[in-house]
Amino acid sequence: MSEGAKRQYVKDLEAQAGKQLKHLVDVLKVAPYESKATSTARAYRAENVKRNVWTEKMQLPKNESTFLLYLMERGTKIGSSALSKISAAYQAANDGISKIFVREIPVGSVKTT
């Protein structure tokens, strides 16, 4: 479920915890989703699957730059509230998102209806 730095952190933690404490790591793995309402967690998982399918189709690496390209591509077809859901889903699976382009994304490139 986790990606990027979160995924690596969990892998390192699993190695450190071993079999004896694996159950605690398992709880941590699902925490970003379990802390959400069931419908929200389901929606986030679905959005992340869509993004990962697109990423593989485009043969791009799974990183924040690719996420930004995906967000811009989706922004030409969907409204801003749907983009917010995609962004929140990405942040749940990763260690957040940098604010490099957040304010600079051109308003005209995002569908507003």
Foldseek 3Di string as FASTA:
>chain_A
DADDPVVVVLVVVCVVCDPVCVVVSVCVQCVLLVVDPPVLSVLLVVLVVVLVVVCVVVVHDPDQVSVVVVLLVVQQPDAPVVSVSSQSSNVSRYVHHDCPCVVPDDPVSGDHD
